[in-house]
Amino acid sequence: MPLIHLSKSEAIKNGIPKKTIQTILFLKSKYTLKQARDFLKKNGFLWMNYRLEGEHRRFQQYPPIIGAEYYAKKISDSITFIFQHY
């Protein structure tokens, strides 16, 4: 599935909050696909938009927004939230 980026005006039109968790990363060495999906489902996150990227399982929560600022916050040694703010 191609990665679709939205403009800021498209993000506003689609009701995407100005600050969101854009992606959640899981270390492949610590989480199987099933374990990662179970964590996401249990905690109310989206789990269907998934891809492998290097050492991580990446679950997109919102589309990336052109011109947004991004930062990461580790919530454990094997899970990282990527936030975006536009």
PDB file of N, CA and C in Angstrom:
ATOM      1  N   MET A   1       0.835  -1.175   0.000  1.00  0.00           N
ATOM      2  CA  MET A   1       0.000   0.000   0.000  1.00  0.00           C
ATOM      3  C   MET A   1       0.880   1.238   0.000  1.00  0.00           C
ATOM      4  N   PRO A   2       0.682   2.148  -0.943  1.00  0.00           N
ATOM      5  CA  PRO A   2       1.513   3.358  -0.979  1.00  0.00           C
ATOM      6  C   PRO A   2       1.198   4.265   0.201  1.00  0.00           C
ATOM      7  N   LEU A   3       2.214   4.954   0.661  1.00  0.00           N
ATOM      8  CA  LEU A   3       2.059   5.874   1.780  1.00  0.00           C
ATOM      9  C   LEU A   3       1.495   7.191   1.242  1.00  0.00           C
ATOM     10  N   ILE A   4       0.343   7.570   1.740  1.00  0.00           N
ATOM     11  CA  ILE A   4      -0.327   8.789   1.284  1.00  0.00           C
ATOM     12  C   ILE A   4      -0.085   9.896   2.300  1.00  0.00           C
ATOM     13  N   HIS A   5       0.428  11.026   1.829  1.00  0.00           N
ATOM     14  CA  HIS A   5       0.651  12.197   2.674  1.00  0.00           C
ATOM     15  C   HIS A   5      -0.480  13.189   2.437  1.00  0.00           C
ATOM     16  N   LEU A   6      -0.930  13.833   3.490  1.00  0.00           N
ATOM     17  CA  LEU A   6      -1.979  14.837   3.389  1.00  0.00           C
ATOM     18  C   LEU A   6      -1.401  16.232   3.576  1.00  0.00           C
ATOM     19  N   SER A   7      -2.004  17.195   2.915  1.00  0.00           N
ATOM     20  CA  SER A   7      -1.647  18.591   3.186  1.00  0.00           C
ATOM     21  C   SER A   7      -2.311  18.992   4.502  1.00  0.00           C
ATOM     22  N   LYS A   8      -1.882  20.115   5.051  1.00  0.00           N
ATOM     23  CA  LYS A   8      -2.482  20.590   6.297  1.00  0.00           C
ATOM     24  C   LYS A   8      -3.974  20.865   6.108  1.00  0.00           C
ATOM     25  N   SER A   9      -4.358  21.444   4.973  1.00  0.00           N
ATOM     26  CA  SER A   9      -5.779  21.733   4.741  1.00  0.00           C
ATOM     27  C   SER A   9      -6.582  20.437   4.614  1.00  0.00           C
ATOM     28  N   GLU A  10      -6.009  19.400   4.002  1.00  0.00           N
ATOM     29  CA  GLU A  10      -6.698  18.100   3.917  1.00  0.00           C
ATOM     30  C   GLU A  10      -6.844  17.480   5.305  1.00  0.00           C
ATOM     31  N   ALA A  11      -5.812  17.636   6.139  1.00  0.00           N
ATOM     32  CA  ALA A  11      -5.870  17.096   7.496  1.00  0.00           C
ATOM     33  C   ALA A  11      -6.994  17.773   8.290  1.00  0.00           C
ATOM     34  N   ILE A  12      -7.097  19.088   8.170  1.00  0.00           N
ATOM     35  CA  ILE A  12      -8.159  19.830   8.862  1.00  0.00           C
ATOM     36  C   ILE A  12      -9.516  19.385   8.344  1.00  0.00           C
ATOM     37  N   LYS A  13      -9.649  19.289   7.033  1.00  0.00           N
ATOM     38  CA  LYS A  13     -10.916  18.869   6.403  1.00  0.00           C
ATOM     39  C   LYS A  13     -11.330  17.479   6.870  1.00  0.00           C
ATOM     40  N   ASN A  14     -10.354  16.586   7.087  1.00  0.00           N
ATOM     41  CA  ASN A  14     -10.638  15.219   7.515  1.00  0.00           C
ATOM     42  C   ASN A  14     -10.735  15.072   9.032  1.00  0.00           C
ATOM     43  N   GLY A  15     -10.627  16.176   9.762  1.00  0.00           N
ATOM     44  CA  GLY A  15     -10.804  16.152  11.202  1.00  0.00           C
ATOM     45  C   GLY A  15      -9.644  15.550  11.980  1.00  0.00           C
ATOM     46  N   ILE A  16      -8.458  15.557  11.395  1.00  0.00           N
ATOM     47  CA  ILE A  16      -7.291  15.019  12.090  1.00  0.00           C
ATOM     48  C   ILE A  16      -6.810  16.057  13.099  1.00  0.00           C
ATOM     49  N   PRO A  17      -6.687  15.655  14.355  1.00  0.00           N
ATOM     50  CA  PRO A  17      -6.228  16.608  15.380  1.00  0.00           C
ATOM     51  C   PRO A  17      -4.856  17.179  15.043  1.00  0.00           C
ATOM     52  N   LYS A  18      -4.581  18.383  15.520  1.00  0.00           N
ATOM     53  CA  LYS A  18      -3.301  19.038  15.227  1.00  0.00           C
ATOM     54  C   LYS A  18      -2.109  18.293  15.831  1.00  0.00           C
ATOM     55  N   LYS A  19      -2.329  17.576  16.928  1.00  0.00           N
ATOM     56  CA  LYS A  19      -1.278  16.759  17.528  1.00  0.00           C
ATOM     57  C   LYS A  19      -1.815  15.336  17.655  1.00  0.00           C
ATOM     58  N   THR A  20      -1.112  14.382  17.064  1.00  0.00           N
ATOM     59  CA  THR A  20      -1.561  12.999  17.077  1.00  0.00           C
ATOM     60  C   THR A  20      -0.379  12.049  17.228  1.00  0.00           C
ATOM     61  N   ILE A  21      -0.692  10.818  17.611  1.00  0.00           N
ATOM     62  CA  ILE A  21       0.277   9.736  17.478  1.00  0.00           C
ATOM     63  C   ILE A  21       0.160   9.294  16.022  1.00  0.00           C
ATOM     64  N   GLN A  22       1.206   9.546  15.252  1.00  0.00           N
ATOM     65  CA  GLN A  22       1.162   9.222  13.831  1.00  0.00           C
ATOM     66  C   GLN A  22       1.449   7.748  13.596  1.00  0.00           C
ATOM     67  N   THR A  23       2.404   7.185  14.331  1.00  0.00           N
ATOM     68  CA  THR A  23       2.834   5.804  14.143  1.00  0.00           C
ATOM     69  C   THR A  23       3.267   5.221  15.478  1.00  0.00           C
ATOM     70  N   ILE A  24       3.081   3.914  15.610  1.00  0.00           N
ATOM     71  CA  ILE A  24       3.600   3.193  16.769  1.00  0.00           C
ATOM     72  C   ILE A  24       4.560   2.132  16.251  1.00  0.00           C
ATOM     73  N   LEU A  25       5.774   2.129  16.824  1.00  0.00           N
ATOM     74  CA  LEU A  25       6.816   1.191  16.414  1.00  0.00           C
ATOM     75  C   LEU A  25       7.037   0.133  17.491  1.00  0.00           C
ATOM     76  N   PHE A  26       7.189  -1.110  17.054  1.00  0.00           N
ATOM     77  CA  PHE A  26       7.515  -2.228  17.938  1.00  0.00           C
ATOM     78  C   PHE A  26       8.790  -2.877  17.423  1.00  0.00           C
ATOM     79  N   LEU A  27       9.731  -3.167  18.316  1.00  0.00           N
ATOM     80  CA  LEU A  27      10.929  -3.903  17.914  1.00  0.00           C
ATOM     81  C   LEU A  27      10.525  -5.318  17.505  1.00  0.00           C
ATOM     82  N   LYS A  28      10.957  -5.729  16.313  1.00  0.00           N
ATOM     83  CA  LYS A  28      10.633  -7.073  15.821  1.00  0.00           C
ATOM     84  C   LYS A  28      11.207  -8.145  16.726  1.00  0.00           C
ATOM     85  N   SER A  29      12.360  -7.874  17.322  1.00  0.00           N
ATOM     86  CA  SER A  29      13.009  -8.876  18.172  1.00  0.00           C
ATOM     87  C   SER A  29      12.259  -9.110  19.488  1.00  0.00           C
ATOM     88  N   LYS A  30      11.364  -8.185  19.855  1.00  0.00           N
ATOM     89  CA  LYS A  30      10.636  -8.290  21.126  1.00  0.00           C
ATOM     90  C   LYS A  30       9.153  -8.608  20.948  1.00  0.00           C
ATOM     91  N   TYR A  31       8.569  -8.208  19.806  1.00  0.00           N
ATOM     92  CA  TYR A  31       7.144  -8.384  19.569  1.00  0.00           C
ATOM     93  C   TYR A  31       6.905  -9.112  18.252  1.00  0.00           C
ATOM     94  N   THR A  32       6.134 -10.201  18.327  1.00  0.00           N
ATOM     95  CA  THR A  32       5.658 -10.833  17.105  1.00  0.00           C
ATOM     96  C   THR A  32       4.552  -9.951  16.548  1.00  0.00           C
ATOM     97  N   LEU A  33       4.139 -10.216  15.319  1.00  0.00           N
ATOM     98  CA  LEU A  33       3.042  -9.453  14.733  1.00  0.00           C
ATOM     99  C   LEU A  33       1.783  -9.607  15.582  1.00  0.00           C
ATOM    100  N   LYS A  34       1.486 -10.817  16.011  1.00  0.00           N
ATOM    101  CA  LYS A  34       0.295 -11.058  16.830  1.00  0.00           C
ATOM    102  C   LYS A  34       0.383 -10.308  18.163  1.00  0.00           C
ATOM    103  N   GLN A  35       1.532 -10.347  18.821  1.00  0.00           N
ATOM    104  CA  GLN A  35       1.685  -9.648  20.100  1.00  0.00           C
ATOM    105  C   GLN A  35       1.493  -8.140  19.928  1.00  0.00           C
ATOM    106  N   ALA A  36       2.065  -7.580  18.865  1.00  0.00           N
ATOM    107  CA  ALA A  36       1.924  -6.142  18.611  1.00  0.00           C
ATOM    108  C   ALA A  36       0.462  -5.787  18.352  1.00  0.00           C
ATOM    109  N   ARG A  37      -0.198  -6.573  17.502  1.00  0.00           N
ATOM    110  CA  ARG A  37      -1.620  -6.296  17.216  1.00  0.00           C
ATOM    111  C   ARG A  37      -2.473  -6.438  18.470  1.00  0.00           C
ATOM    112  N   ASP A  38      -2.191  -7.440  19.284  1.00  0.00           N
ATOM    113  CA  ASP A  38      -2.942  -7.612  20.530  1.00  0.00           C
ATOM    114  C   ASP A  38      -2.760  -6.400  21.446  1.00  0.00           C
ATOM    115  N   PHE A  39      -1.541  -5.891  21.565  1.00  0.00           N
ATOM    116  CA  PHE A  39      -1.275  -4.693  22.368  1.00  0.00           C
ATOM    117  C   PHE A  39      -2.091  -3.516  21.837  1.00  0.00           C
ATOM    118  N   LEU A  40      -2.064  -3.309  20.529  1.00  0.00           N
ATOM    119  CA  LEU A  40      -2.780  -2.189  19.931  1.00  0.00           C
ATOM    120  C   LEU A  40      -4.282  -2.302  20.149  1.00  0.00           C
ATOM    121  N   LYS A  41      -4.836  -3.470  19.897  1.00  0.00           N
ATOM    122  CA  LYS A  41      -6.280  -3.675  20.092  1.00  0.00           C
ATOM    123  C   LYS A  41      -6.672  -3.427  21.544  1.00  0.00           C
ATOM    124  N   LYS A  42      -5.892  -3.985  22.470  1.00  0.00           N
ATOM    125  CA  LYS A  42      -6.185  -3.850  23.905  1.00  0.00           C
ATOM    126  C   LYS A  42      -6.178  -2.393  24.346  1.00  0.00           C
ATOM    127  N   ASN A  43      -5.321  -1.577  23.720  1.00  0.00           N
ATOM    128  CA  ASN A  43      -5.166  -0.177  24.117  1.00  0.00           C
ATOM    129  C   ASN A  43      -5.881   0.813  23.209  1.00  0.00           C
ATOM    130  N   GLY A  44      -6.748   0.318  22.325  1.00  0.00           N
ATOM    131  CA  GLY A  44      -7.595   1.188  21.517  1.00  0.00           C
ATOM    132  C   GLY A  44      -6.913   1.858  20.334  1.00  0.00           C
ATOM    133  N   PHE A  45      -5.795   1.297  19.853  1.00  0.00           N
ATOM    134  CA  PHE A  45      -5.098   1.850  18.699  1.00  0.00           C
ATOM    135  C   PHE A  45      -5.455   1.075  17.433  1.00  0.00           C
ATOM    136  N   LEU A  46      -5.200   1.698  16.295  1.00  0.00           N
ATOM    137  CA  LEU A  46      -5.412   1.029  15.008  1.00  0.00           C
ATOM    138  C   LEU A  46      -4.312  -0.002  14.798  1.00  0.00           C
ATOM    139  N   TRP A  47      -4.650  -1.113  14.174  1.00  0.00           N
ATOM    140  CA  TRP A  47      -3.675  -2.187  14.007  1.00  0.00           C
ATOM    141  C   TRP A  47      -3.601  -2.726  12.587  1.00  0.00           C
ATOM    142  N   MET A  48      -4.422  -2.211  11.663  1.00  0.00           N
ATOM    143  CA  MET A  48      -4.490  -2.796  10.328  1.00  0.00           C
ATOM    144  C   MET A  48      -3.460  -2.223   9.356  1.00  0.00           C
ATOM    145  N   ASN A  49      -3.053  -0.975   9.489  1.00  0.00           N
ATOM    146  CA  ASN A  49      -2.113  -0.373   8.543  1.00  0.00           C
ATOM    147  C   ASN A  49      -0.693  -0.627   9.037  1.00  0.00           C
ATOM    148  N   TYR A  50      -0.137  -1.738   8.577  1.00  0.00           N
ATOM    149  CA  TYR A  50       1.114  -2.272   9.108  1.00  0.00           C
ATOM    150  C   TYR A  50       2.141  -2.461   8.003  1.00  0.00           C
ATOM    151  N   ARG A  51       3.409  -2.211   8.357  1.00  0.00           N
ATOM    152  CA  ARG A  51       4.513  -2.566   7.455  1.00  0.00           C
ATOM    153  C   ARG A  51       5.776  -2.786   8.285  1.00  0.00           C
ATOM    154  N   LEU A  52       6.673  -3.583   7.718  1.00  0.00           N
ATOM    155  CA  LEU A  52       7.980  -3.784   8.337  1.00  0.00           C
ATOM    156  C   LEU A  52       8.898  -2.676   7.876  1.00  0.00           C
ATOM    157  N   GLU A  53       9.723  -2.179   8.785  1.00  0.00           N
ATOM    158  CA  GLU A  53      10.674  -1.133   8.441  1.00  0.00           C
ATOM    159  C   GLU A  53      11.922  -1.343   9.299  1.00  0.00           C
ATOM    160  N   GLY A  54      12.967  -1.882   8.684  1.00  0.00           N
ATOM    161  CA  GLY A  54      14.199  -2.149   9.422  1.00  0.00           C
ATOM    162  C   GLY A  54      13.954  -3.127  10.551  1.00  0.00           C
ATOM    163  N   GLU A  55      14.271  -2.707  11.758  1.00  0.00           N
ATOM    164  CA  GLU A  55      14.106  -3.557  12.936  1.00  0.00           C
ATOM    165  C   GLU A  55      12.733  -3.414  13.597  1.00  0.00           C
ATOM    166  N   HIS A  56      11.818  -2.689  12.956  1.00  0.00           N
ATOM    167  CA  HIS A  56      10.536  -2.374  13.591  1.00  0.00           C
ATOM    168  C   HIS A  56       9.325  -2.875  12.814  1.00  0.00           C
ATOM    169  N   ARG A  57       8.277  -3.129  13.567  1.00  0.00           N
ATOM    170  CA  ARG A  57       6.927  -3.304  13.033  1.00  0.00           C
ATOM    171  C   ARG A  57       6.275  -1.939  13.197  1.00  0.00           C
ATOM    172  N   ARG A  58       5.783  -1.386  12.107  1.00  0.00           N
ATOM    173  CA  ARG A  58       5.284  -0.008  12.099  1.00  0.00           C
ATOM    174  C   ARG A  58       3.779  -0.030  11.850  1.00  0.00           C
ATOM    175  N   PHE A  59       3.021   0.585  12.758  1.00  0.00           N
ATOM    176  CA  PHE A  59       1.565   0.651  12.652  1.00  0.00           C
ATOM    177  C   PHE A  59       1.146   2.115  12.556  1.00  0.00           C
ATOM    178  N   GLN A  60       0.707   2.518  11.379  1.00  0.00           N
ATOM    179  CA  GLN A  60       0.304   3.905  11.153  1.00  0.00           C
ATOM    180  C   GLN A  60      -1.053   4.151  11.796  1.00  0.00           C
ATOM    181  N   GLN A  61      -1.150   5.238  12.546  1.00  0.00           N
ATOM    182  CA  GLN A  61      -2.400   5.632  13.190  1.00  0.00           C
ATOM    183  C   GLN A  61      -3.115   6.712  12.381  1.00  0.00           C
ATOM    184  N   TYR A  62      -2.355   7.639  11.829  1.00  0.00           N
ATOM    185  CA  TYR A  62      -2.868   8.708  10.969  1.00  0.00           C
ATOM    186  C   TYR A  62      -1.917   8.875   9.801  1.00  0.00           C
ATOM    187  N   PRO A  63      -2.421   9.359   8.670  1.00  0.00           N
ATOM    188  CA  PRO A  63      -1.505   9.614   7.557  1.00  0.00           C
ATOM    189  C   PRO A  63      -0.520  10.728   7.908  1.00  0.00           C
ATOM    190  N   PRO A  64       0.697  10.655   7.363  1.00  0.00           N
ATOM    191  CA  PRO A  64       1.636  11.758   7.579  1.00  0.00           C
ATOM    192  C   PRO A  64       1.118  13.039   6.923  1.00  0.00           C
ATOM    193  N   ILE A  65       1.418  14.149   7.566  1.00  0.00           N
ATOM    194  CA  ILE A  65       0.948  15.447   7.079  1.00  0.00           C
ATOM    195  C   ILE A  65       2.150  16.247   6.607  1.00  0.00           C
ATOM    196  N   ILE A  66       2.062  16.750   5.397  1.00  0.00           N
ATOM    197  CA  ILE A  66       3.152  17.515   4.797  1.00  0.00           C
ATOM    198  C   ILE A  66       3.409  18.764   5.641  1.00  0.00           C
ATOM    199  N   GLY A  67       4.658  18.963   6.022  1.00  0.00           N
ATOM    200  CA  GLY A  67       5.039  20.133   6.807  1.00  0.00           C
ATOM    201  C   GLY A  67       4.865  19.957   8.308  1.00  0.00           C
ATOM    202  N   ALA A  68       4.414  18.791   8.748  1.00  0.00           N
ATOM    203  CA  ALA A  68       4.254  18.560  10.189  1.00  0.00           C
ATOM    204  C   ALA A  68       5.615  18.382  10.841  1.00  0.00           C
ATOM    205  N   GLU A  69       5.657  18.605  12.140  1.00  0.00           N
ATOM    206  CA  GLU A  69       6.848  18.327  12.932  1.00  0.00           C
ATOM    207  C   GLU A  69       6.642  16.979  13.604  1.00  0.00           C
ATOM    208  N   TYR A  70       7.714  16.214  13.708  1.00  0.00           N
ATOM    209  CA  TYR A  70       7.639  14.868  14.277  1.00  0.00           C
ATOM    210  C   TYR A  70       8.614  14.729  15.429  1.00  0.00           C
ATOM    211  N   TYR A  71       8.219  13.937  16.418  1.00  0.00           N
ATOM    212  CA  TYR A  71       9.145  13.581  17.493  1.00  0.00           C
ATOM    213  C   TYR A  71       8.754  12.217  18.032  1.00  0.00           C
ATOM    214  N   ALA A  72       9.713  11.537  18.613  1.00  0.00           N
ATOM    215  CA  ALA A  72       9.511  10.184  19.121  1.00  0.00           C
ATOM    216  C   ALA A  72       9.535  10.181  20.642  1.00  0.00           C
ATOM    217  N   LYS A  73       8.743   9.279  21.207  1.00  0.00           N
ATOM    218  CA  LYS A  73       8.758   9.082  22.656  1.00  0.00           C
ATOM    219  C   LYS A  73       8.716   7.571  22.913  1.00  0.00           C
ATOM    220  N   LYS A  74       9.781   7.078  23.548  1.00  0.00           N
ATOM    221  CA  LYS A  74       9.823   5.659  23.911  1.00  0.00           C
ATOM    222  C   LYS A  74       8.931   5.447  25.127  1.00  0.00           C
ATOM    223  N   ILE A  75       8.019   4.485  25.021  1.00  0.00           N
ATOM    224  CA  ILE A  75       7.197   4.177  26.191  1.00  0.00           C
ATOM    225  C   ILE A  75       7.693   2.917  26.896  1.00  0.00           C
ATOM    226  N   SER A  76       8.585   2.194  26.228  1.00  0.00           N
ATOM    227  CA  SER A  76       9.274   1.056  26.839  1.00  0.00           C
ATOM    228  C   SER A  76      10.539   0.810  26.024  1.00  0.00           C
ATOM    229  N   ASP A  77      11.301  -0.212  26.387  1.00  0.00           N
ATOM    230  CA  ASP A  77      12.516  -0.502  25.626  1.00  0.00           C
ATOM    231  C   ASP A  77      12.213  -1.035  24.233  1.00  0.00           C
ATOM    232  N   SER A  78      10.945  -1.392  23.954  1.00  0.00           N
ATOM    233  CA  SER A  78      10.619  -1.991  22.659  1.00  0.00           C
ATOM    234  C   SER A  78       9.446  -1.345  21.932  1.00  0.00           C
ATOM    235  N   ILE A  79       8.852  -0.285  22.507  1.00  0.00           N
ATOM    236  CA  ILE A  79       7.721   0.409  21.873  1.00  0.00           C
ATOM    237  C   ILE A  79       8.016   1.906  21.837  1.00  0.00           C
ATOM    238  N   THR A  80       7.829   2.500  20.663  1.00  0.00           N
ATOM    239  CA  THR A  80       8.042   3.936  20.480  1.00  0.00           C
ATOM    240  C   THR A  80       6.827   4.548  19.802  1.00  0.00           C
ATOM    241  N   PHE A  81       6.350   5.651  20.356  1.00  0.00           N
ATOM    242  CA  PHE A  81       5.288   6.429  19.717  1.00  0.00           C
ATOM    243  C   PHE A  81       5.943   7.542  18.907  1.00  0.00           C
ATOM    244  N   ILE A  82       5.489   7.723  17.672  1.00  0.00           N
ATOM    245  CA  ILE A  82       5.920   8.843  16.839  1.00  0.00           C
ATOM    246  C   ILE A  82       4.751   9.819  16.774  1.00  0.00           C
ATOM    247  N   PHE A  83       4.977  11.019  17.276  1.00  0.00           N
ATOM    248  CA  PHE A  83       3.927  12.051  17.279  1.00  0.00           C
ATOM    249  C   PHE A  83       4.132  12.988  16.096  1.00  0.00           C
ATOM    250  N   GLN A  84       3.029  13.554  15.625  1.00  0.00           N
ATOM    251  CA  GLN A  84       3.113  14.619  14.619  1.00  0.00           C
ATOM    252  C   GLN A  84       2.284  15.790  15.089  1.00  0.00           C
ATOM    253  N   HIS A  85       2.755  16.986  14.746  1.00  0.00           N
ATOM    254  CA  HIS A  85       2.064  18.226  15.095  1.00  0.00           C
ATOM    255  C   HIS A  85       2.140  19.134  13.883  1.00  0.00           C
ATOM    256  N   TYR A  86       0.977  19.616  13.457  1.00  0.00           N
ATOM    257  CA  TYR A  86       0.974  20.512  12.280  1.00  0.00           C
ATOM    258  C   TYR A  86       0.332  21.839  12.603  1.00  0.00           C
TER     259      TYR A  86
END
